[in-house]
N, C-alpha and C. Protein backbone atom coordinates (compact mmCIF):
# COMPACT_ATOMS: atom_id res chain seq x y z
N GLN A 1 -40.88 -40.37 69.46
CA GLN A 1 -41.65 -39.18 69.74
C GLN A 1 -42.89 -39.20 68.85
N GLU A 2 -44.02 -38.91 69.46
CA GLU A 2 -45.27 -38.91 68.71
C GLU A 2 -45.58 -37.49 68.22
N PHE A 3 -46.17 -37.39 67.06
CA PHE A 3 -46.56 -36.11 66.49
C PHE A 3 -48.04 -36.17 66.13
N ASP A 4 -48.71 -35.04 66.19
CA ASP A 4 -50.13 -35.00 65.82
C ASP A 4 -50.31 -35.16 64.32
N ASP A 5 -49.36 -34.70 63.58
CA ASP A 5 -49.46 -34.66 62.12
C ASP A 5 -48.38 -35.58 61.54
N GLU A 6 -48.79 -36.58 60.79
CA GLU A 6 -47.84 -37.53 60.20
C GLU A 6 -46.82 -36.82 59.31
N GLY A 7 -47.23 -35.78 58.61
CA GLY A 7 -46.31 -35.03 57.76
C GLY A 7 -45.18 -34.42 58.57
N HIS A 8 -45.53 -33.89 59.74
CA HIS A 8 -44.51 -33.30 60.61
C HIS A 8 -43.52 -34.36 61.07
N LYS A 9 -44.02 -35.55 61.37
CA LYS A 9 -43.16 -36.66 61.81
C LYS A 9 -42.12 -36.97 60.74
N TRP A 10 -42.54 -37.11 59.50
CA TRP A 10 -41.62 -37.47 58.43
C TRP A 10 -40.66 -36.33 58.09
N LYS A 11 -41.13 -35.09 58.18
CA LYS A 11 -40.24 -33.95 57.95
C LYS A 11 -39.13 -33.96 58.98
N SER A 12 -39.46 -34.29 60.22
CA SER A 12 -38.45 -34.35 61.28
C SER A 12 -37.45 -35.45 61.01
N ILE A 13 -37.92 -36.59 60.54
CA ILE A 13 -37.03 -37.70 60.21
C ILE A 13 -36.07 -37.30 59.10
N LEU A 14 -36.58 -36.65 58.07
CA LEU A 14 -35.74 -36.24 56.95
C LEU A 14 -34.73 -35.18 57.38
N ARG A 15 -35.14 -34.25 58.27
CA ARG A 15 -34.19 -33.26 58.77
C ARG A 15 -33.06 -33.94 59.55
N CYS A 16 -33.41 -34.96 60.32
CA CYS A 16 -32.39 -35.70 61.08
C CYS A 16 -31.40 -36.36 60.12
N ARG A 17 -31.91 -36.96 59.05
CA ARG A 17 -31.03 -37.61 58.07
C ARG A 17 -30.09 -36.58 57.45
N GLU A 18 -30.62 -35.40 57.14
CA GLU A 18 -29.78 -34.36 56.56
C GLU A 18 -28.69 -33.93 57.53
N ARG A 19 -29.04 -33.81 58.81
CA ARG A 19 -28.04 -33.42 59.82
C ARG A 19 -26.95 -34.48 59.94
N VAL A 20 -27.34 -35.75 59.91
CA VAL A 20 -26.36 -36.83 60.00
C VAL A 20 -25.39 -36.76 58.83
N THR A 21 -25.90 -36.49 57.64
CA THR A 21 -25.04 -36.38 56.46
C THR A 21 -24.07 -35.22 56.61
N VAL A 22 -24.55 -34.07 57.08
CA VAL A 22 -23.68 -32.91 57.26
C VAL A 22 -22.62 -33.19 58.31
N VAL A 23 -23.02 -33.73 59.46
CA VAL A 23 -22.06 -34.04 60.52
C VAL A 23 -21.06 -35.08 60.04
N GLY A 24 -21.53 -36.11 59.37
CA GLY A 24 -20.64 -37.15 58.88
C GLY A 24 -19.62 -36.60 57.91
N THR A 25 -20.03 -35.71 57.04
CA THR A 25 -19.11 -35.12 56.07
C THR A 25 -18.12 -34.20 56.77
N ARG A 26 -18.59 -33.36 57.67
CA ARG A 26 -17.72 -32.41 58.37
C ARG A 26 -16.69 -33.13 59.23
N ASP A 27 -17.09 -34.20 59.89
CA ASP A 27 -16.20 -34.91 60.81
C ASP A 27 -15.41 -36.03 60.14
N ALA A 28 -15.40 -36.07 58.83
CA ALA A 28 -14.64 -37.04 58.05
C ALA A 28 -15.11 -38.47 58.25
N HIS A 29 -16.39 -38.64 58.51
CA HIS A 29 -16.95 -39.99 58.54
C HIS A 29 -17.34 -40.35 57.11
N ALA A 30 -17.18 -41.59 56.79
CA ALA A 30 -17.59 -42.02 55.46
C ALA A 30 -19.11 -41.92 55.36
N CYS A 31 -19.61 -41.32 54.29
CA CYS A 31 -21.05 -41.17 54.10
C CYS A 31 -21.45 -41.72 52.74
N CYS A 32 -22.52 -42.42 52.71
CA CYS A 32 -23.08 -42.90 51.45
C CYS A 32 -23.72 -41.69 50.76
N THR A 33 -23.30 -41.38 49.57
CA THR A 33 -23.78 -40.17 48.90
C THR A 33 -25.14 -40.36 48.24
N ASN A 34 -25.54 -41.59 48.03
CA ASN A 34 -26.84 -41.83 47.41
C ASN A 34 -27.93 -41.55 48.44
N GLN A 35 -28.94 -40.81 48.06
CA GLN A 35 -30.02 -40.46 48.96
C GLN A 35 -31.34 -40.63 48.26
N SER A 36 -32.39 -40.77 49.06
CA SER A 36 -33.71 -40.87 48.48
C SER A 36 -34.71 -40.15 49.37
N LEU A 37 -35.47 -39.27 48.79
CA LEU A 37 -36.54 -38.59 49.51
C LEU A 37 -37.87 -39.20 49.06
N VAL A 38 -38.80 -39.29 49.99
CA VAL A 38 -40.11 -39.83 49.69
C VAL A 38 -41.13 -38.72 49.90
N PRO A 39 -41.60 -38.10 48.81
CA PRO A 39 -42.60 -37.05 48.96
C PRO A 39 -43.87 -37.60 49.61
N LYS A 40 -44.42 -36.82 50.52
CA LYS A 40 -45.65 -37.22 51.23
C LYS A 40 -45.51 -38.63 51.79
N ALA A 41 -44.41 -38.86 52.49
CA ALA A 41 -44.07 -40.19 52.99
C ALA A 41 -45.19 -40.82 53.81
N TRP A 42 -45.93 -40.02 54.55
CA TRP A 42 -47.00 -40.56 55.38
C TRP A 42 -48.07 -41.26 54.56
N GLN A 43 -48.13 -41.01 53.26
CA GLN A 43 -49.10 -41.67 52.38
C GLN A 43 -48.54 -42.95 51.76
N GLU A 44 -47.27 -43.21 51.97
CA GLU A 44 -46.60 -44.34 51.31
C GLU A 44 -46.53 -45.61 52.16
N PHE A 45 -47.22 -45.62 53.30
CA PHE A 45 -47.19 -46.78 54.18
C PHE A 45 -48.58 -47.34 54.39
N ASP A 46 -48.66 -48.68 54.51
CA ASP A 46 -49.95 -49.31 54.76
C ASP A 46 -50.27 -49.26 56.26
N ASP A 47 -51.40 -49.82 56.64
CA ASP A 47 -51.84 -49.78 58.04
C ASP A 47 -50.92 -50.54 58.98
N GLU A 48 -50.15 -51.47 58.45
CA GLU A 48 -49.22 -52.25 59.28
C GLU A 48 -47.85 -51.58 59.39
N GLY A 49 -47.68 -50.45 58.71
CA GLY A 49 -46.42 -49.72 58.80
C GLY A 49 -45.39 -50.12 57.76
N HIS A 50 -45.80 -50.93 56.79
CA HIS A 50 -44.88 -51.33 55.72
C HIS A 50 -45.02 -50.38 54.54
N MET A 51 -43.91 -50.11 53.89
CA MET A 51 -43.95 -49.24 52.73
C MET A 51 -44.64 -49.96 51.57
N LYS A 52 -45.55 -49.26 50.92
CA LYS A 52 -46.29 -49.83 49.80
C LYS A 52 -45.36 -50.06 48.61
N ASP A 53 -45.68 -51.08 47.79
CA ASP A 53 -44.89 -51.32 46.59
C ASP A 53 -45.03 -50.12 45.65
N SER A 54 -43.89 -49.57 45.27
CA SER A 54 -43.88 -48.43 44.35
C SER A 54 -42.45 -48.18 43.91
N SER A 55 -42.29 -47.30 42.96
CA SER A 55 -40.94 -46.94 42.52
C SER A 55 -40.20 -46.22 43.64
N LEU A 56 -40.93 -45.52 44.51
CA LEU A 56 -40.28 -44.86 45.65
C LEU A 56 -39.69 -45.90 46.60
N ARG A 57 -40.44 -46.97 46.85
CA ARG A 57 -39.95 -48.05 47.72
C ARG A 57 -38.70 -48.68 47.10
N GLU A 58 -38.74 -48.91 45.80
CA GLU A 58 -37.58 -49.49 45.12
C GLU A 58 -36.36 -48.59 45.26
N ARG A 59 -36.56 -47.29 45.16
CA ARG A 59 -35.45 -46.33 45.30
C ARG A 59 -34.88 -46.38 46.72
N VAL A 60 -35.73 -46.44 47.73
CA VAL A 60 -35.27 -46.54 49.12
C VAL A 60 -34.48 -47.83 49.31
N LEU A 61 -34.98 -48.93 48.74
CA LEU A 61 -34.27 -50.20 48.85
C LEU A 61 -32.93 -50.16 48.11
N ASP A 62 -32.89 -49.50 46.95
CA ASP A 62 -31.61 -49.33 46.24
C ASP A 62 -30.60 -48.60 47.13
N CYS A 63 -31.06 -47.53 47.78
CA CYS A 63 -30.16 -46.75 48.64
C CYS A 63 -29.70 -47.58 49.85
N ALA A 64 -30.61 -48.33 50.44
CA ALA A 64 -30.26 -49.17 51.59
C ALA A 64 -29.23 -50.22 51.18
N GLU A 65 -29.45 -50.83 50.02
CA GLU A 65 -28.53 -51.83 49.51
C GLU A 65 -27.15 -51.23 49.26
N GLU A 66 -27.13 -50.05 48.65
CA GLU A 66 -25.87 -49.37 48.37
C GLU A 66 -25.16 -49.02 49.67
N PHE A 67 -25.92 -48.55 50.66
CA PHE A 67 -25.33 -48.20 51.94
C PHE A 67 -24.70 -49.42 52.60
N ALA A 68 -25.37 -50.57 52.54
CA ALA A 68 -24.83 -51.80 53.13
C ALA A 68 -23.52 -52.20 52.43
N LYS A 69 -23.50 -52.12 51.12
CA LYS A 69 -22.29 -52.45 50.36
C LYS A 69 -21.15 -51.48 50.68
N PHE A 70 -21.48 -50.20 50.69
CA PHE A 70 -20.52 -49.14 50.99
C PHE A 70 -19.91 -49.37 52.37
N THR A 71 -20.74 -49.68 53.35
CA THR A 71 -20.28 -49.93 54.71
C THR A 71 -19.37 -51.16 54.77
N ALA A 72 -19.78 -52.23 54.10
CA ALA A 72 -18.99 -53.46 54.10
C ALA A 72 -17.61 -53.24 53.47
N LEU A 73 -17.55 -52.43 52.42
CA LEU A 73 -16.28 -52.17 51.75
C LEU A 73 -15.36 -51.26 52.57
N LEU A 74 -15.94 -50.25 53.23
CA LEU A 74 -15.12 -49.24 53.89
C LEU A 74 -14.77 -49.55 55.35
N THR A 75 -15.55 -50.37 56.01
CA THR A 75 -15.31 -50.64 57.43
C THR A 75 -13.90 -51.14 57.71
N PRO A 76 -13.36 -52.08 56.94
CA PRO A 76 -12.01 -52.56 57.26
C PRO A 76 -10.93 -51.48 57.17
N MET A 77 -11.17 -50.42 56.42
CA MET A 77 -10.15 -49.38 56.27
C MET A 77 -10.59 -48.04 56.85
N ALA A 78 -11.53 -48.06 57.78
CA ALA A 78 -12.07 -46.81 58.35
C ALA A 78 -10.99 -45.96 59.00
N ASN A 79 -10.08 -46.56 59.73
CA ASN A 79 -9.03 -45.78 60.40
C ASN A 79 -8.15 -45.04 59.39
N GLU A 80 -7.79 -45.69 58.31
CA GLU A 80 -6.95 -45.05 57.31
C GLU A 80 -7.71 -43.95 56.56
N LEU A 81 -8.99 -44.17 56.31
CA LEU A 81 -9.77 -43.20 55.55
C LEU A 81 -10.11 -41.95 56.35
N THR A 82 -10.16 -42.06 57.66
CA THR A 82 -10.54 -40.92 58.49
C THR A 82 -9.35 -40.30 59.22
N ASP A 83 -8.14 -40.77 58.94
CA ASP A 83 -6.93 -40.25 59.55
C ASP A 83 -6.57 -38.92 58.88
N ARG A 84 -6.51 -37.85 59.65
CA ARG A 84 -6.25 -36.52 59.10
C ARG A 84 -4.95 -35.95 59.65
N TYR A 85 -4.21 -35.31 58.77
CA TYR A 85 -2.96 -34.67 59.17
C TYR A 85 -3.21 -33.65 60.29
N SER A 86 -4.22 -32.78 60.11
CA SER A 86 -4.46 -31.72 61.10
C SER A 86 -4.79 -32.29 62.48
N GLU A 87 -5.50 -33.42 62.51
CA GLU A 87 -5.83 -34.04 63.79
C GLU A 87 -4.60 -34.69 64.43
N ARG A 88 -3.75 -35.32 63.61
CA ARG A 88 -2.51 -35.89 64.15
C ARG A 88 -1.63 -34.79 64.73
N LYS A 89 -1.54 -33.67 64.01
CA LYS A 89 -0.73 -32.53 64.45
C LYS A 89 -1.28 -31.97 65.77
N GLU A 90 -2.61 -31.81 65.84
CA GLU A 90 -3.23 -31.28 67.06
C GLU A 90 -2.98 -32.20 68.26
N LYS A 91 -3.11 -33.51 68.04
CA LYS A 91 -2.84 -34.47 69.12
C LYS A 91 -1.40 -34.35 69.60
N GLU A 92 -0.48 -34.17 68.65
CA GLU A 92 0.93 -34.06 69.00
C GLU A 92 1.19 -32.77 69.80
N GLU A 93 0.58 -31.67 69.36
CA GLU A 93 0.80 -30.38 70.02
C GLU A 93 0.03 -30.23 71.33
N GLN A 94 -1.23 -30.67 71.36
CA GLN A 94 -2.10 -30.45 72.51
C GLN A 94 -2.22 -31.68 73.42
N GLY A 95 -1.78 -32.82 72.92
CA GLY A 95 -1.91 -34.06 73.69
C GLY A 95 -3.25 -34.74 73.50
N THR A 96 -4.19 -34.07 72.86
CA THR A 96 -5.52 -34.61 72.61
C THR A 96 -6.21 -33.75 71.55
N LEU A 97 -7.33 -34.23 71.02
CA LEU A 97 -8.13 -33.41 70.13
C LEU A 97 -9.02 -32.53 70.99
N LEU A 98 -9.06 -31.24 70.69
CA LEU A 98 -9.86 -30.30 71.47
C LEU A 98 -11.23 -30.11 70.84
N SER A 99 -12.23 -29.87 71.67
CA SER A 99 -13.56 -29.55 71.16
C SER A 99 -13.53 -28.16 70.54
N GLN A 100 -14.51 -27.85 69.72
CA GLN A 100 -14.58 -26.52 69.10
C GLN A 100 -14.69 -25.45 70.18
N ALA A 101 -15.46 -25.72 71.23
CA ALA A 101 -15.63 -24.75 72.32
C ALA A 101 -14.28 -24.48 73.00
N LYS A 102 -13.50 -25.52 73.24
CA LYS A 102 -12.20 -25.37 73.88
C LYS A 102 -11.25 -24.59 72.97
N LYS A 103 -11.30 -24.86 71.66
CA LYS A 103 -10.46 -24.12 70.71
C LYS A 103 -10.79 -22.64 70.74
N GLU A 104 -12.08 -22.32 70.78
CA GLU A 104 -12.51 -20.93 70.83
C GLU A 104 -12.07 -20.28 72.14
N GLU A 105 -12.19 -21.02 73.23
CA GLU A 105 -11.77 -20.51 74.53
C GLU A 105 -10.27 -20.18 74.55
N LEU A 106 -9.47 -21.03 73.88
CA LEU A 106 -8.03 -20.83 73.83
C LEU A 106 -7.58 -19.90 72.71
N GLY A 107 -8.52 -19.49 71.87
CA GLY A 107 -8.19 -18.61 70.75
C GLY A 107 -7.49 -19.32 69.61
N ILE A 108 -7.70 -20.63 69.50
CA ILE A 108 -7.09 -21.42 68.43
C ILE A 108 -8.08 -21.46 67.26
N THR A 109 -7.58 -21.19 66.05
CA THR A 109 -8.47 -21.23 64.87
C THR A 109 -8.15 -22.39 63.99
């Protein structure tokens, strides 16, 4: 999606990242807790779209590296780490996991 203002574009990207973190945490997905914000991000890229050398770039690379390591370590045990008692119980009682809308419709809290 194109934006008239580069600042608006980066704010949207950061809001998306925040939403992914919230959803991942709420839904018991493994999330890398290390984060990095780049103030005035639109000023941190050259004309070719590459991030300029800076401490901010190093911080983003540190986070990316940590995320890759975190993913490599947790992927083999993802099923065990995201297995929840309440979800197993719901599957046993309802035959499936219900959406929040369906739970509200049925009066299940």
